[in-house]
PDB file of all heavy atoms in Angstrom:
ATOM      1  N   ARG A   1      58.138 -21.473 -10.504  1.00  0.00           N
ATOM      2  CA  ARG A   1      57.388 -20.394 -11.141  1.00  0.00           C
ATOM      3  C   ARG A   1      58.296 -19.180 -11.249  1.00  0.00           C
ATOM      4  O   ARG A   1      58.731 -18.647 -10.233  1.00  0.00           O
ATOM      5  CB  ARG A   1      56.153 -20.036 -10.328  1.00  0.00           C
ATOM      6  CG  ARG A   1      55.215 -19.057 -11.046  1.00  0.00           C
ATOM      7  CD  ARG A   1      54.195 -18.520 -10.086  1.00  0.00           C
ATOM      8  NE  ARG A   1      53.063 -17.901 -10.769  1.00  0.00           N
ATOM      9  CZ  ARG A   1      52.243 -17.012 -10.196  1.00  0.00           C
ATOM     10  NH1 ARG A   1      52.440 -16.662  -8.943  1.00  0.00           N
ATOM     11  NH2 ARG A   1      51.232 -16.507 -10.877  1.00  0.00           N
ATOM     12  N   LEU A   2      58.573 -18.780 -12.468  1.00  0.00           N
ATOM     13  CA  LEU A   2      59.406 -17.616 -12.707  1.00  0.00           C
ATOM     14  C   LEU A   2      58.528 -16.371 -12.858  1.00  0.00           C
ATOM     15  O   LEU A   2      57.404 -16.456 -13.359  1.00  0.00           O
ATOM     16  CB  LEU A   2      60.247 -17.798 -13.966  1.00  0.00           C
ATOM     17  CG  LEU A   2      61.092 -19.067 -14.043  1.00  0.00           C
ATOM     18  CD1 LEU A   2      61.930 -19.056 -15.318  1.00  0.00           C
ATOM     19  CD2 LEU A   2      61.971 -19.221 -12.822  1.00  0.00           C
ATOM     20  N   SER A   3      59.079 -15.239 -12.449  1.00  0.00           N
ATOM     21  CA  SER A   3      58.381 -13.967 -12.588  1.00  0.00           C
ATOM     22  C   SER A   3      59.280 -12.974 -13.295  1.00  0.00           C
ATOM     23  O   SER A   3      60.502 -13.029 -13.159  1.00  0.00           O
ATOM     24  CB  SER A   3      58.005 -13.403 -11.215  1.00  0.00           C
ATOM     25  OG  SER A   3      57.146 -14.269 -10.515  1.00  0.00           O
ATOM     26  N   CYS A   4      58.662 -12.063 -14.004  1.00  0.00           N
ATOM     27  CA  CYS A   4      59.411 -11.015 -14.692  1.00  0.00           C
ATOM     28  C   CYS A   4      58.655  -9.706 -14.540  1.00  0.00           C
ATOM     29  O   CYS A   4      57.533  -9.575 -15.029  1.00  0.00           O
ATOM     30  CB  CYS A   4      59.582 -11.353 -16.166  1.00  0.00           C
ATOM     31  SG  CYS A   4      60.248  -9.981 -17.150  1.00  0.00           S
ATOM     32  N   ALA A   5      59.276  -8.766 -13.861  1.00  0.00           N
ATOM     33  CA  ALA A   5      58.691  -7.430 -13.718  1.00  0.00           C
ATOM     34  C   ALA A   5      59.184  -6.576 -14.881  1.00  0.00           C
ATOM     35  O   ALA A   5      60.385  -6.389 -15.049  1.00  0.00           O
ATOM     36  CB  ALA A   5      59.102  -6.808 -12.393  1.00  0.00           C
ATOM     37  N   ALA A   6      58.250  -6.082 -15.666  1.00  0.00           N
ATOM     38  CA  ALA A   6      58.601  -5.305 -16.850  1.00  0.00           C
ATOM     39  C   ALA A   6      58.171  -3.865 -16.673  1.00  0.00           C
ATOM     40  O   ALA A   6      57.018  -3.596 -16.316  1.00  0.00           O
ATOM     41  CB  ALA A   6      57.943  -5.898 -18.090  1.00  0.00           C
ATOM     42  N   SER A   7      59.074  -2.952 -16.899  1.00  0.00           N
ATOM     43  CA  SER A   7      58.737  -1.541 -16.826  1.00  0.00           C
ATOM     44  C   SER A   7      58.871  -0.931 -18.223  1.00  0.00           C
ATOM     45  O   SER A   7      59.252  -1.583 -19.173  1.00  0.00           O
ATOM     46  CB  SER A   7      59.662  -0.821 -15.856  1.00  0.00           C
ATOM     47  OG  SER A   7      60.987  -0.856 -16.335  1.00  0.00           O
ATOM     48  N   GLY A   8      58.567   0.316 -18.299  1.00  0.00           N
ATOM     49  CA  GLY A   8      58.640   0.968 -19.581  1.00  0.00           C
ATOM     50  C   GLY A   8      57.341   0.817 -20.355  1.00  0.00           C
ATOM     51  O   GLY A   8      56.311   0.449 -19.807  1.00  0.00           O
ATOM     52  N   SER A   9      57.429   1.063 -21.608  1.00  0.00           N
ATOM     53  CA  SER A   9      56.220   1.120 -22.424  1.00  0.00           C
ATOM     54  C   SER A   9      55.918  -0.186 -23.155  1.00  0.00           C
ATOM     55  O   SER A   9      55.008  -0.238 -23.963  1.00  0.00           O
ATOM     56  CB  SER A   9      56.377   2.240 -23.445  1.00  0.00           C
ATOM     57  OG  SER A   9      57.505   1.987 -24.265  1.00  0.00           O
ATOM     58  N   ILE A  10      56.661  -1.269 -22.850  1.00  0.00           N
ATOM     59  CA  ILE A  10      56.488  -2.466 -23.664  1.00  0.00           C
ATOM     60  C   ILE A  10      55.305  -3.312 -23.232  1.00  0.00           C
ATOM     61  O   ILE A  10      54.715  -4.018 -24.034  1.00  0.00           O
ATOM     62  CB  ILE A  10      57.760  -3.344 -23.636  1.00  0.00           C
ATOM     63  CG1 ILE A  10      58.086  -3.814 -22.207  1.00  0.00           C
ATOM     64  CG2 ILE A  10      58.924  -2.591 -24.247  1.00  0.00           C
ATOM     65  CD1 ILE A  10      59.170  -4.840 -22.145  1.00  0.00           C
ATOM     66  N   PHE A  11      54.994  -3.250 -21.939  1.00  0.00           N
ATOM     67  CA  PHE A  11      53.981  -4.178 -21.440  1.00  0.00           C
ATOM     68  C   PHE A  11      52.629  -3.811 -22.006  1.00  0.00           C
ATOM     69  O   PHE A  11      52.182  -2.680 -21.936  1.00  0.00           O
ATOM     70  CB  PHE A  11      53.961  -4.152 -19.916  1.00  0.00           C
ATOM     71  CG  PHE A  11      53.385  -5.400 -19.322  1.00  0.00           C
ATOM     72  CD1 PHE A  11      54.201  -6.479 -19.048  1.00  0.00           C
ATOM     73  CD2 PHE A  11      52.026  -5.500 -19.075  1.00  0.00           C
ATOM     74  CE1 PHE A  11      53.677  -7.645 -18.515  1.00  0.00           C
ATOM     75  CE2 PHE A  11      51.496  -6.662 -18.553  1.00  0.00           C
ATOM     76  CZ  PHE A  11      52.320  -7.737 -18.266  1.00  0.00           C
ATOM     77  N   GLY A  12      51.966  -4.798 -22.558  1.00  0.00           N
ATOM     78  CA  GLY A  12      50.652  -4.568 -23.135  1.00  0.00           C
ATOM     79  C   GLY A  12      50.689  -4.073 -24.560  1.00  0.00           C
ATOM     80  O   GLY A  12      49.647  -3.955 -25.200  1.00  0.00           O
ATOM     81  N   VAL A  13      51.898  -3.806 -25.040  1.00  0.00           N
ATOM     82  CA  VAL A  13      52.043  -3.327 -26.425  1.00  0.00           C
ATOM     83  C   VAL A  13      52.564  -4.442 -27.324  1.00  0.00           C
ATOM     84  O   VAL A  13      52.030  -4.675 -28.421  1.00  0.00           O
ATOM     85  CB  VAL A  13      53.001  -2.122 -26.489  1.00  0.00           C
ATOM     86  CG1 VAL A  13      53.231  -1.693 -27.936  1.00  0.00           C
ATOM     87  CG2 VAL A  13      52.447  -0.965 -25.657  1.00  0.00           C
ATOM     88  N   SER A  14      53.590  -5.127 -26.811  1.00  0.00           N
ATOM     89  CA  SER A  14      54.227  -6.172 -27.605  1.00  0.00           C
ATOM     90  C   SER A  14      53.933  -7.538 -27.012  1.00  0.00           C
ATOM     91  O   SER A  14      53.690  -7.662 -25.814  1.00  0.00           O
ATOM     92  CB  SER A  14      55.747  -5.958 -27.613  1.00  0.00           C
ATOM     93  OG  SER A  14      56.085  -4.688 -28.106  1.00  0.00           O
ATOM     94  N   PRO A  15      53.973  -8.577 -27.835  1.00  0.00           N
ATOM     95  CA  PRO A  15      53.930  -9.930 -27.273  1.00  0.00           C
ATOM     96  C   PRO A  15      55.099 -10.099 -26.312  1.00  0.00           C
ATOM     97  O   PRO A  15      56.170  -9.530 -26.528  1.00  0.00           O
ATOM     98  CB  PRO A  15      54.080 -10.834 -28.497  1.00  0.00           C
ATOM     99  CG  PRO A  15      53.677  -9.993 -29.653  1.00  0.00           C
ATOM    100  CD  PRO A  15      54.073  -8.608 -29.307  1.00  0.00           C
ATOM    101  N   MET A  16      54.885 -10.858 -25.271  1.00  0.00           N
ATOM    102  CA  MET A  16      55.936 -11.107 -24.301  1.00  0.00           C
ATOM    103  C   MET A  16      56.334 -12.568 -24.347  1.00  0.00           C
ATOM    104  O   MET A  16      55.504 -13.453 -24.593  1.00  0.00           O
ATOM    105  CB  MET A  16      55.474 -10.743 -22.895  1.00  0.00           C
ATOM    106  CG  MET A  16      55.209  -9.263 -22.705  1.00  0.00           C
ATOM    107  SD  MET A  16      56.686  -8.237 -22.889  1.00  0.00           S
ATOM    108  CE  MET A  16      57.713  -8.836 -21.538  1.00  0.00           C
ATOM    109  N   GLY A  17      57.615 -12.805 -24.108  1.00  0.00           N
ATOM    110  CA  GLY A  17      58.101 -14.174 -24.182  1.00  0.00           C
ATOM    111  C   GLY A  17      59.124 -14.481 -23.109  1.00  0.00           C
ATOM    112  O   GLY A  17      59.694 -13.582 -22.505  1.00  0.00           O
ATOM    113  N   TRP A  18      59.313 -15.759 -22.877  1.00  0.00           N
ATOM    114  CA  TRP A  18      60.388 -16.249 -22.036  1.00  0.00           C
ATOM    115  C   TRP A  18      61.409 -16.928 -22.932  1.00  0.00           C
ATOM    116  O   TRP A  18      61.038 -17.731 -23.809  1.00  0.00           O
ATOM    117  CB  TRP A  18      59.869 -17.228 -20.991  1.00  0.00           C
ATOM    118  CG  TRP A  18      59.248 -16.552 -19.815  1.00  0.00           C
ATOM    119  CD1 TRP A  18      57.923 -16.275 -19.628  1.00  0.00           C
ATOM    120  CD2 TRP A  18      59.920 -16.060 -18.651  1.00  0.00           C
ATOM    121  NE1 TRP A  18      57.725 -15.643 -18.430  1.00  0.00           N
ATOM    122  CE2 TRP A  18      58.946 -15.491 -17.806  1.00  0.00           C
ATOM    123  CE3 TRP A  18      61.247 -16.033 -18.229  1.00  0.00           C
ATOM    124  CZ2 TRP A  18      59.246 -14.917 -16.565  1.00  0.00           C
ATOM    125  CZ3 TRP A  18      61.553 -15.467 -17.008  1.00  0.00           C
ATOM    126  CH2 TRP A  18      60.575 -14.921 -16.191  1.00  0.00           C
ATOM    127  N   TYR A  19      62.654 -16.609 -22.709  1.00  0.00           N
ATOM    128  CA  TYR A  19      63.771 -17.176 -23.443  1.00  0.00           C
ATOM    129  C   TYR A  19      64.674 -17.900 -22.436  1.00  0.00           C
ATOM    130  O   TYR A  19      64.608 -17.646 -21.238  1.00  0.00           O
ATOM    131  CB  TYR A  19      64.593 -16.082 -24.116  1.00  0.00           C
ATOM    132  CG  TYR A  19      63.850 -15.212 -25.099  1.00  0.00           C
ATOM    133  CD1 TYR A  19      62.974 -14.219 -24.663  1.00  0.00           C
ATOM    134  CD2 TYR A  19      64.042 -15.374 -26.475  1.00  0.00           C
ATOM    135  CE1 TYR A  19      62.302 -13.405 -25.570  1.00  0.00           C
ATOM    136  CE2 TYR A  19      63.389 -14.560 -27.389  1.00  0.00           C
ATOM    137  CZ  TYR A  19      62.521 -13.575 -26.926  1.00  0.00           C
ATOM    138  OH  TYR A  19      61.870 -12.777 -27.832  1.00  0.00           O
ATOM    139  N   ARG A  20      65.534 -18.769 -22.959  1.00  0.00           N
ATOM    140  CA  ARG A  20      66.517 -19.395 -22.082  1.00  0.00           C
ATOM    141  C   ARG A  20      67.826 -19.573 -22.821  1.00  0.00           C
ATOM    142  O   ARG A  20      67.854 -19.730 -24.037  1.00  0.00           O
ATOM    143  CB  ARG A  20      66.013 -20.719 -21.535  1.00  0.00           C
ATOM    144  CG  ARG A  20      65.854 -21.830 -22.563  1.00  0.00           C
ATOM    145  CD  ARG A  20      65.231 -23.056 -21.904  1.00  0.00           C
ATOM    146  NE  ARG A  20      65.050 -24.154 -22.840  1.00  0.00           N
ATOM    147  CZ  ARG A  20      64.379 -25.270 -22.558  1.00  0.00           C
ATOM    148  NH1 ARG A  20      63.828 -25.440 -21.348  1.00  0.00           N
ATOM    149  NH2 ARG A  20      64.270 -26.223 -23.459  1.00  0.00           N
ATOM    150  N   SER A  21      68.885 -19.555 -22.014  1.00  0.00           N
ATOM    151  CA  SER A  21      70.222 -19.698 -22.555  1.00  0.00           C
ATOM    152  C   SER A  21      70.943 -20.761 -21.742  1.00  0.00           C
ATOM    153  O   SER A  21      71.199 -20.573 -20.548  1.00  0.00           O
ATOM    154  CB  SER A  21      70.966 -18.356 -22.467  1.00  0.00           C
ATOM    155  OG  SER A  21      72.261 -18.465 -22.973  1.00  0.00           O
ATOM    156  N   ALA A  22      71.232 -21.882 -22.376  1.00  0.00           N
ATOM    157  CA  ALA A  22      71.931 -22.980 -21.709  1.00  0.00           C
ATOM    158  C   ALA A  22      73.404 -22.960 -22.118  1.00  0.00           C
ATOM    159  O   ALA A  22      73.742 -22.458 -23.197  1.00  0.00           O
ATOM    160  CB  ALA A  22      71.297 -24.312 -22.105  1.00  0.00           C
ATOM    161  N   PRO A  23      74.270 -23.503 -21.273  1.00  0.00           N
ATOM    162  CA  PRO A  23      75.707 -23.519 -21.599  1.00  0.00           C
ATOM    163  C   PRO A  23      75.972 -24.162 -22.944  1.00  0.00           C
ATOM    164  O   PRO A  23      75.477 -25.257 -23.233  1.00  0.00           O
ATOM    165  CB  PRO A  23      76.311 -24.347 -20.462  1.00  0.00           C
ATOM    166  CG  PRO A  23      75.361 -24.185 -19.335  1.00  0.00           C
ATOM    167  CD  PRO A  23      74.003 -24.097 -19.964  1.00  0.00           C
ATOM    168  N   GLY A  24      76.715 -23.459 -23.793  1.00  0.00           N
ATOM    169  CA  GLY A  24      77.076 -24.001 -25.093  1.00  0.00           C
ATOM    170  C   GLY A  24      75.977 -23.955 -26.133  1.00  0.00           C
ATOM    171  O   GLY A  24      76.157 -24.460 -27.247  1.00  0.00           O
ATOM    172  N   LYS A  25      74.863 -23.344 -25.793  1.00  0.00           N
ATOM    173  CA  LYS A  25      73.744 -23.273 -26.742  1.00  0.00           C
ATOM    174  C   LYS A  25      73.321 -21.826 -26.956  1.00  0.00           C
ATOM    175  O   LYS A  25      73.521 -20.967 -26.094  1.00  0.00           O
ATOM    176  CB  LYS A  25      72.557 -24.086 -26.228  1.00  0.00           C
ATOM    177  CG  LYS A  25      72.808 -25.568 -26.101  1.00  0.00           C
ATOM    178  CD  LYS A  25      71.556 -26.285 -25.645  1.00  0.00           C
ATOM    179  CE  LYS A  25      71.777 -27.773 -25.516  1.00  0.00           C
ATOM    180  NZ  LYS A  25      70.561 -28.494 -25.061  1.00  0.00           N
TER     181      LYS A  25
END
């Protein structure tokens, strides 16, 4: 289970997403 603490004014304003970056991709 991953968690992401978001600060600033974005939370609740914009859609939120999880991204991933794999080696070579």
